[in-house]
Amino acid sequence: MGKKKVITPAQAEDAKRLKDLYEAKKKRLGVTQQSIADELDITQGAVAHYLNGRNPLNLVMALTFAQQLQVSVEDFSPALAQELANMAVVSANEPIAPYIVPSISAKKYPLLSRTQVSAWCDNPEFFTLEDVDRWLESETPVSGKAFWLQLDEDSMTAPTGLSISEGTFVLCDTGREPANNSLVIAILSNTREATFKKLVIDGSQMYLKGLNPLWPFNAVDKTCRIIGVVIETKLILV
């Protein structure tokens, strides 16, 4: 039988803070112990050991947990955060090799037309490489199924502040919960086409609003379906 790993009090506190963050965020982000295990190519049991303080966290694990839970390493392990900060410092006389953060492999998501989105949301497994003309990559973590949509109008082009121009590709995460001021993809029942707008919540009423001030507010009623939240934009010039 292997020797049991020794956990210091500080490492145990790190694990407790991390587990508290995991429990608070897992439902909203759609994160599970198995999804984290799949990202690291380890077992679900190994992930549980880190969360329960049976194994001490290391830099690779801390960075992966931070990315999956959308927090900083310092939020649960000040010691490892300091270690990362020290690794980023390069001495002029004795340069050190930079710490290479393990990359998360890019995943491909389908580029859909505005009329395809509704059918895809009802049965995303139906769409294969043969069914979709173009798939685009992203390294941004998603909580559910995801797809790309290319803007074909100027409703999100603003004269000041955040502006998303016609021709931009946007990545929609269907597992992320929309909130006030989220940028969302919605299906309008009268057209069955997807639209990209800002979600405005005013008390019990919700509205879809373009960033372009010339576009009107549209009230969200029971016939309007919010598909997901846009989490990334991409502009391809060629």
Protein backbone atom coordinates (compact mmCIF):
# COMPACT_ATOMS: atom_id res chain seq x y z
CA MET A 1 0.00 0.00 0.00
CA GLY A 2 1.36 3.44 -0.98
CA LYS A 3 2.33 5.97 1.63
CA LYS A 4 -0.49 8.36 2.49
CA LYS A 5 0.14 11.93 1.36
CA VAL A 6 0.61 14.45 4.15
CA ILE A 7 -1.61 17.53 3.93
CA THR A 8 -0.53 20.67 5.75
CA PRO A 9 -3.12 22.83 7.53
CA ALA A 10 -2.65 25.52 4.85
CA GLN A 11 -3.25 22.99 2.05
CA ALA A 12 -6.35 21.73 3.85
CA GLU A 13 -7.67 25.29 4.00
CA ASP A 14 -6.96 25.68 0.26
CA ALA A 15 -9.01 22.55 -0.43
CA LYS A 16 -11.87 23.78 1.75
CA ARG A 17 -11.99 27.14 -0.04
CA LEU A 18 -11.87 25.40 -3.40
CA LYS A 19 -14.68 23.01 -2.50
CA ASP A 20 -16.83 25.89 -1.26
CA LEU A 21 -16.33 27.65 -4.61
CA TYR A 22 -17.10 24.46 -6.51
CA GLU A 23 -20.33 23.85 -4.59
CA ALA A 24 -21.42 27.48 -5.06
CA LYS A 25 -20.71 27.63 -8.78
CA LYS A 26 -21.15 24.12 -10.20
CA LYS A 27 -24.86 24.39 -10.98
CA ARG A 28 -24.72 27.81 -12.63
CA LEU A 29 -21.62 26.94 -14.68
CA GLY A 30 -22.65 23.37 -15.46
CA VAL A 31 -19.37 22.05 -14.02
CA THR A 32 -19.10 18.56 -12.56
CA GLN A 33 -16.28 16.54 -11.06
CA GLN A 34 -16.42 14.37 -14.17
CA SER A 35 -16.11 17.33 -16.55
CA ILE A 36 -13.03 18.53 -14.66
CA ALA A 37 -11.64 14.99 -14.72
CA ASP A 38 -12.17 14.81 -18.48
CA GLU A 39 -10.30 18.10 -18.93
CA LEU A 40 -7.30 16.72 -17.04
CA ASP A 41 -7.56 13.13 -18.29
CA ILE A 42 -7.78 11.80 -14.72
CA THR A 43 -10.51 9.96 -12.82
CA GLN A 44 -13.48 11.58 -11.10
CA GLY A 45 -12.21 10.05 -7.86
CA ALA A 46 -8.91 11.90 -8.20
CA VAL A 47 -10.78 15.20 -8.60
CA ALA A 48 -12.78 14.40 -5.46
CA HIS A 49 -9.54 13.79 -3.55
CA TYR A 50 -8.34 17.30 -4.39
CA LEU A 51 -11.67 18.86 -3.43
CA ASN A 52 -11.84 16.93 -0.15
CA GLY A 53 -8.24 17.68 0.82
CA ARG A 54 -6.93 14.14 0.52
CA ASN A 55 -4.37 15.19 -2.11
CA PRO A 56 -2.59 18.57 -1.98
CA LEU A 57 -3.26 20.92 -4.88
CA ASN A 58 -0.47 21.59 -7.35
CA LEU A 59 -0.13 24.35 -9.94
CA VAL A 60 -1.62 22.37 -12.82
CA MET A 61 -4.67 21.37 -10.79
CA ALA A 62 -5.10 24.87 -9.34
CA LEU A 63 -5.00 26.50 -12.79
CA THR A 64 -7.51 24.02 -14.18
CA PHE A 65 -9.93 24.44 -11.28
CA ALA A 66 -9.62 28.23 -11.59
CA GLN A 67 -10.42 28.12 -15.29
CA GLN A 68 -13.35 25.74 -14.90
CA LEU A 69 -14.87 27.73 -12.01
CA GLN A 70 -14.05 31.13 -13.56
CA VAL A 71 -12.13 32.34 -10.53
CA SER A 72 -8.51 33.22 -9.81
CA VAL A 73 -6.09 30.84 -8.08
CA GLU A 74 -5.76 33.42 -5.32
CA ASP A 75 -9.44 32.98 -4.49
CA PHE A 76 -8.69 29.57 -2.97
CA SER A 77 -4.91 29.24 -2.67
CA PRO A 78 -2.86 32.36 -1.88
CA ALA A 79 0.30 30.23 -1.64
CA LEU A 80 -0.03 28.77 -5.14
CA ALA A 81 -1.00 32.19 -6.50
CA GLN A 82 2.22 33.60 -5.05
CA GLU A 83 4.17 30.71 -6.56
CA LEU A 84 2.70 31.55 -9.96
CA ALA A 85 3.58 35.22 -9.49
CA ASN A 86 7.15 34.31 -8.59
CA MET A 87 7.46 32.18 -11.72
CA ALA A 88 6.42 35.12 -13.84
CA VAL A 89 9.35 37.19 -12.55
CA VAL A 90 12.46 36.94 -14.69
CA SER A 91 15.73 38.14 -13.24
CA ALA A 92 17.96 40.18 -15.55
CA ASN A 93 21.04 38.31 -14.36
CA GLU A 94 19.61 34.83 -13.91
CA PRO A 95 16.63 34.38 -16.18
CA ILE A 96 14.42 31.44 -15.34
CA ALA A 97 12.42 29.33 -17.73
CA PRO A 98 8.84 30.61 -17.79
CA TYR A 99 6.14 28.38 -16.40
CA ILE A 100 4.08 27.01 -19.24
CA VAL A 101 0.41 27.03 -18.38
CA PRO A 102 -1.22 23.83 -19.68
CA SER A 103 -3.39 24.80 -22.62
CA ILE A 104 -6.96 23.67 -23.03
CA SER A 105 -7.40 22.16 -26.46
CA ALA A 106 -9.56 24.21 -28.78
CA LYS A 107 -12.93 22.69 -29.59
CA LYS A 108 -14.93 23.08 -32.78
CA TYR A 109 -18.50 24.34 -32.79
CA PRO A 110 -20.88 24.58 -35.76
CA LEU A 111 -21.47 27.84 -37.58
CA LEU A 112 -25.24 28.04 -37.99
CA SER A 113 -27.49 30.29 -39.99
CA ARG A 114 -30.25 32.21 -38.23
CA THR A 115 -32.79 29.71 -39.52
CA GLN A 116 -30.77 26.65 -38.44
CA VAL A 117 -30.49 27.62 -34.78
CA SER A 118 -33.96 26.45 -33.74
CA ALA A 119 -33.53 22.99 -35.28
CA TRP A 120 -30.03 22.66 -33.84
CA CYS A 121 -31.21 23.52 -30.32
CA ASP A 122 -33.93 20.88 -30.54
CA ASN A 123 -31.47 18.19 -31.66
CA PRO A 124 -27.79 19.27 -31.65
CA GLU A 125 -26.55 15.70 -32.13
CA PHE A 126 -28.22 15.71 -35.54
CA PHE A 127 -25.62 18.11 -36.91
CA THR A 128 -22.38 16.46 -38.02
CA LEU A 129 -19.38 17.64 -40.02
CA GLU A 130 -21.31 16.74 -43.16
CA ASP A 131 -24.44 18.69 -42.17
CA VAL A 132 -22.66 21.97 -41.38
CA ASP A 133 -20.57 23.78 -43.95
CA ARG A 134 -18.22 25.40 -41.44
CA TRP A 135 -16.99 24.74 -37.91
CA LEU A 136 -15.02 27.32 -35.92
CA GLU A 137 -12.67 26.70 -33.00
CA SER A 138 -12.70 28.21 -29.53
CA GLU A 139 -10.71 27.69 -26.33
CA THR A 140 -13.33 29.47 -24.21
CA PRO A 141 -14.89 27.06 -21.65
CA VAL A 142 -18.59 26.46 -22.25
CA SER A 143 -21.25 25.22 -19.82
CA GLY A 144 -23.53 23.48 -22.33
CA LYS A 145 -23.86 22.98 -26.06
CA ALA A 146 -22.47 25.83 -28.15
CA PHE A 147 -22.64 27.20 -31.67
CA TRP A 148 -21.37 30.12 -33.73
CA LEU A 149 -23.57 32.67 -35.48
CA GLN A 150 -22.41 35.35 -37.92
CA LEU A 151 -24.07 38.76 -37.64
CA ASP A 152 -25.76 39.89 -40.83
CA GLU A 153 -27.19 43.21 -39.59
CA ASP A 154 -26.04 46.34 -37.77
CA SER A 155 -28.30 46.08 -34.72
CA MET A 156 -25.32 45.53 -32.39
CA THR A 157 -23.14 48.27 -33.87
CA ALA A 158 -22.94 51.15 -31.39
CA PRO A 159 -21.48 54.65 -31.86
CA THR A 160 -19.75 54.45 -28.46
CA GLY A 161 -18.90 51.73 -25.93
CA LEU A 162 -19.27 48.07 -26.74
CA SER A 163 -19.94 47.59 -30.44
CA ILE A 164 -20.18 44.34 -32.40
CA SER A 165 -20.14 44.95 -36.13
CA GLU A 166 -21.88 43.16 -38.96
CA GLY A 167 -19.83 40.16 -40.11
CA THR A 168 -18.61 39.28 -36.60
CA PHE A 169 -18.91 35.66 -35.45
CA VAL A 170 -20.39 35.20 -31.96
CA LEU A 171 -20.19 32.03 -29.84
CA CYS A 172 -23.39 31.17 -27.95
CA ASP A 173 -23.25 28.98 -24.81
CA THR A 174 -26.66 27.34 -24.29
CA GLY A 175 -25.78 26.19 -20.78
CA ARG A 176 -25.09 29.62 -19.33
CA GLU A 177 -27.86 31.35 -17.40
CA PRO A 178 -28.70 34.80 -18.83
CA ALA A 179 -28.75 37.80 -16.52
CA ASN A 180 -29.54 41.48 -16.87
CA ASN A 181 -27.36 43.03 -19.61
CA SER A 182 -26.26 39.63 -20.94
CA LEU A 183 -25.76 39.42 -24.69
CA VAL A 184 -28.04 36.61 -25.80
CA ILE A 185 -29.28 34.65 -28.78
CA ALA A 186 -33.06 34.39 -28.88
CA ILE A 187 -35.63 32.85 -31.23
CA LEU A 188 -38.55 35.01 -32.22
CA SER A 189 -41.70 32.96 -32.70
CA ASN A 190 -43.04 35.04 -35.56
CA THR A 191 -39.98 34.38 -37.73
CA ARG A 192 -38.42 31.23 -36.19
CA GLU A 193 -35.09 32.95 -36.77
CA ALA A 194 -32.34 33.61 -34.25
CA THR A 195 -31.53 37.16 -33.22
CA PHE A 196 -28.56 38.53 -31.25
CA LYS A 197 -29.43 41.23 -28.73
CA LYS A 198 -28.75 42.59 -25.24
CA LEU A 199 -31.13 41.29 -22.58
CA VAL A 200 -32.57 44.00 -20.35
CA ILE A 201 -34.49 42.92 -17.24
CA ASP A 202 -36.77 45.51 -15.64
CA GLY A 203 -38.64 43.98 -12.72
CA SER A 204 -40.73 41.14 -14.09
CA GLN A 205 -40.41 42.29 -17.70
CA MET A 206 -37.58 41.40 -20.07
CA TYR A 207 -36.60 43.16 -23.28
CA LEU A 208 -34.27 42.51 -26.19
CA LYS A 209 -32.30 45.61 -27.13
CA GLY A 210 -29.79 46.28 -29.90
CA LEU A 211 -26.59 48.14 -29.04
CA ASN A 212 -27.45 50.34 -31.99
CA PRO A 213 -29.68 53.09 -30.52
CA LEU A 214 -31.71 53.19 -33.73
CA TRP A 215 -33.04 49.68 -33.07
CA PRO A 216 -36.16 49.49 -30.88
CA PHE A 217 -36.73 47.49 -27.68
CA ASN A 218 -38.61 44.23 -28.14
CA ALA A 219 -40.51 42.81 -25.18
CA VAL A 220 -39.77 39.17 -24.37
CA ASP A 221 -43.04 37.29 -24.11
CA LYS A 222 -43.88 33.60 -23.72
CA THR A 223 -43.42 33.02 -27.43
CA CYS A 224 -39.82 34.27 -27.39
CA ARG A 225 -37.17 31.70 -26.51
CA ILE A 226 -33.80 32.67 -25.01
CA ILE A 227 -31.31 30.15 -26.42
CA GLY A 228 -28.12 31.08 -24.60
CA VAL A 229 -25.51 33.69 -23.72
CA VAL A 230 -22.83 34.93 -26.11
CA ILE A 231 -19.41 34.42 -24.54
CA GLU A 232 -16.97 35.16 -27.36
CA THR A 233 -16.69 37.18 -30.56
CA LYS A 234 -14.40 36.53 -33.48
CA LEU A 235 -13.70 38.62 -36.59
CA ILE A 236 -12.12 36.74 -39.48
CA LEU A 237 -10.70 39.07 -42.11
CA VAL A 238 -9.85 36.54 -44.82
